[in-house]
């Protein structure tokens, strides 16, 4: 490979190495936030996204799946769901309605 890294066996490390540390951290923070929101229960907001983030985070810990377009789209959805959840509740990004 051109990067000199044969395999990371971790999609979070793969994101940080190939896409940059800020995006790798954004992916990790977004998935962690959604997994923690999932503990709010079935009636909580973003329950489906929380379940998908939990499953995807578990898969990402053991293999570099960001080469697969399906996981790239899923990771982008998780990041957007975590950072725009306030917009769905009628709040703006600045916190004022």
C-alpha atoms as a PDB file:
ATOM      1  CA  UNK A   1       0.000   0.000   0.000  1.00  0.00           C
ATOM      2  CA  UNK A   2       1.081   3.555  -0.578  1.00  0.00           C
ATOM      3  CA  UNK A   3       0.657   4.586   3.048  1.00  0.00           C
ATOM      4  CA  UNK A   4       3.163   2.038   4.294  1.00  0.00           C
ATOM      5  CA  UNK A   5       0.565   0.652   6.710  1.00  0.00           C
ATOM      6  CA  UNK A   6      -0.506  -2.866   5.828  1.00  0.00           C
ATOM      7  CA  UNK A   7      -3.532  -3.052   8.155  1.00  0.00           C
ATOM      8  CA  UNK A   8      -4.848  -1.233  11.200  1.00  0.00           C
ATOM      9  CA  UNK A   9      -7.561  -3.788  12.085  1.00  0.00           C
ATOM     10  CA  UNK A  10      -9.562  -0.917  13.587  1.00  0.00           C
ATOM     11  CA  UNK A  11     -11.802   1.394  11.557  1.00  0.00           C
ATOM     12  CA  UNK A  12     -11.378   4.267  14.032  1.00  0.00           C
ATOM     13  CA  UNK A  13      -7.601   4.158  13.555  1.00  0.00           C
ATOM     14  CA  UNK A  14      -8.127   3.766   9.825  1.00  0.00           C
ATOM     15  CA  UNK A  15     -10.283   6.916   9.757  1.00  0.00           C
ATOM     16  CA  UNK A  16      -7.701   8.853  11.760  1.00  0.00           C
ATOM     17  CA  UNK A  17      -4.837   7.713   9.546  1.00  0.00           C
ATOM     18  CA  UNK A  18      -6.469   8.136   6.134  1.00  0.00           C
ATOM     19  CA  UNK A  19      -9.001  10.919   6.733  1.00  0.00           C
ATOM     20  CA  UNK A  20      -7.220  12.876   9.468  1.00  0.00           C
ATOM     21  CA  UNK A  21      -7.337  12.979  13.236  1.00  0.00           C
ATOM     22  CA  UNK A  22     -10.249  15.483  13.474  1.00  0.00           C
ATOM     23  CA  UNK A  23     -12.553  13.285  11.376  1.00  0.00           C
ATOM     24  CA  UNK A  24     -11.423  10.149  13.176  1.00  0.00           C
ATOM     25  CA  UNK A  25     -12.206  11.776  16.520  1.00  0.00           C
ATOM     26  CA  UNK A  26     -15.536  13.080  15.189  1.00  0.00           C
ATOM     27  CA  UNK A  27     -16.490   9.534  14.218  1.00  0.00           C
ATOM     28  CA  UNK A  28     -15.506   8.170  17.625  1.00  0.00           C
ATOM     29  CA  UNK A  29     -17.299  10.951  19.546  1.00  0.00           C
ATOM     30  CA  UNK A  30     -20.442  10.686  17.404  1.00  0.00           C
ATOM     31  CA  UNK A  31     -20.699   6.934  17.869  1.00  0.00           C
ATOM     32  CA  UNK A  32     -20.044   7.176  21.600  1.00  0.00           C
ATOM     33  CA  UNK A  33     -22.685   9.900  22.000  1.00  0.00           C
ATOM     34  CA  UNK A  34     -25.296   7.896  20.108  1.00  0.00           C
ATOM     35  CA  UNK A  35     -24.529   4.695  22.009  1.00  0.00           C
ATOM     36  CA  UNK A  36     -24.959   6.549  25.308  1.00  0.00           C
ATOM     37  CA  UNK A  37     -28.252   8.055  24.092  1.00  0.00           C
ATOM     38  CA  UNK A  38     -29.454   4.540  23.419  1.00  0.00           C
ATOM     39  CA  UNK A  39     -29.522   3.881  27.155  1.00  0.00           C
ATOM     40  CA  UNK A  40     -32.479   6.310  27.351  1.00  0.00           C
ATOM     41  CA  UNK A  41     -34.716   3.464  26.195  1.00  0.00           C
ATOM     42  CA  UNK A  42     -36.927   2.670  23.237  1.00  0.00           C
ATOM     43  CA  UNK A  43     -38.919   5.868  23.568  1.00  0.00           C
ATOM     44  CA  UNK A  44     -35.815   8.054  23.566  1.00  0.00           C
ATOM     45  CA  UNK A  45     -34.831  10.130  20.568  1.00  0.00           C
ATOM     46  CA  UNK A  46     -32.581   8.529  17.961  1.00  0.00           C
ATOM     47  CA  UNK A  47     -33.150   4.971  19.192  1.00  0.00           C
ATOM     48  CA  UNK A  48     -32.576   3.394  15.767  1.00  0.00           C
ATOM     49  CA  UNK A  49     -29.430   5.453  15.242  1.00  0.00           C
ATOM     50  CA  UNK A  50     -28.234   4.413  18.708  1.00  0.00           C
ATOM     51  CA  UNK A  51     -28.649   0.727  17.913  1.00  0.00           C
ATOM     52  CA  UNK A  52     -26.844   1.099  14.582  1.00  0.00           C
ATOM     53  CA  UNK A  53     -24.046   3.106  16.218  1.00  0.00           C
ATOM     54  CA  UNK A  54     -23.620   0.441  18.899  1.00  0.00           C
ATOM     55  CA  UNK A  55     -23.399  -2.368  16.341  1.00  0.00           C
ATOM     56  CA  UNK A  56     -21.146  -0.391  14.006  1.00  0.00           C
ATOM     57  CA  UNK A  57     -18.814   0.686  16.820  1.00  0.00           C
ATOM     58  CA  UNK A  58     -18.398  -2.943  17.821  1.00  0.00           C
ATOM     59  CA  UNK A  59     -17.610  -3.952  14.254  1.00  0.00           C
ATOM     60  CA  UNK A  60     -15.227  -1.004  13.803  1.00  0.00           C
ATOM     61  CA  UNK A  61     -13.146  -2.054  16.822  1.00  0.00           C
ATOM     62  CA  UNK A  62     -11.999  -5.279  15.191  1.00  0.00           C
ATOM     63  CA  UNK A  63     -11.675  -4.647  11.472  1.00  0.00           C
ATOM     64  CA  UNK A  64     -11.109  -1.785   9.048  1.00  0.00           C
ATOM     65  CA  UNK A  65     -14.498  -1.521   7.374  1.00  0.00           C
ATOM     66  CA  UNK A  66     -14.143   2.003   6.008  1.00  0.00           C
ATOM     67  CA  UNK A  67     -13.032   0.490   2.682  1.00  0.00           C
ATOM     68  CA  UNK A  68     -16.619  -0.703   2.191  1.00  0.00           C
ATOM     69  CA  UNK A  69     -19.005   1.940   0.750  1.00  0.00           C
ATOM     70  CA  UNK A  70     -21.881   0.676   2.915  1.00  0.00           C
ATOM     71  CA  UNK A  71     -19.949   1.419   6.089  1.00  0.00           C
ATOM     72  CA  UNK A  72     -18.797   4.800   4.756  1.00  0.00           C
ATOM     73  CA  UNK A  73     -22.431   5.818   4.247  1.00  0.00           C
ATOM     74  CA  UNK A  74     -23.428   4.421   7.644  1.00  0.00           C
ATOM     75  CA  UNK A  75     -20.571   6.266   9.367  1.00  0.00           C
ATOM     76  CA  UNK A  76     -21.573   9.523   7.653  1.00  0.00           C
ATOM     77  CA  UNK A  77     -25.173   9.012   8.787  1.00  0.00           C
ATOM     78  CA  UNK A  78     -24.067   8.370  12.373  1.00  0.00           C
ATOM     79  CA  UNK A  79     -21.967  11.548  12.408  1.00  0.00           C
ATOM     80  CA  UNK A  80     -24.825  13.633  10.986  1.00  0.00           C
ATOM     81  CA  UNK A  81     -27.373  12.107  13.371  1.00  0.00           C
ATOM     82  CA  UNK A  82     -25.187  12.830  16.391  1.00  0.00           C
ATOM     83  CA  UNK A  83     -24.351  16.414  15.483  1.00  0.00           C
ATOM     84  CA  UNK A  84     -27.738  17.484  14.072  1.00  0.00           C
ATOM     85  CA  UNK A  85     -30.092  15.864  16.589  1.00  0.00           C
ATOM     86  CA  UNK A  86     -30.833  19.272  18.134  1.00  0.00           C
ATOM     87  CA  UNK A  87     -31.998  20.591  14.767  1.00  0.00           C
ATOM     88  CA  UNK A  88     -34.760  17.986  14.646  1.00  0.00           C
ATOM     89  CA  UNK A  89     -36.023  19.173  18.016  1.00  0.00           C
ATOM     90  CA  UNK A  90     -36.453  22.738  16.823  1.00  0.00           C
ATOM     91  CA  UNK A  91     -33.141  24.080  18.119  1.00  0.00           C
ATOM     92  CA  UNK A  92     -30.514  25.838  16.049  1.00  0.00           C
ATOM     93  CA  UNK A  93     -26.814  25.049  16.145  1.00  0.00           C
ATOM     94  CA  UNK A  94     -26.201  28.126  18.310  1.00  0.00           C
ATOM     95  CA  UNK A  95     -28.678  26.906  20.935  1.00  0.00           C
ATOM     96  CA  UNK A  96     -31.307  29.602  20.405  1.00  0.00           C
ATOM     97  CA  UNK A  97     -34.681  28.731  18.782  1.00  0.00           C
END
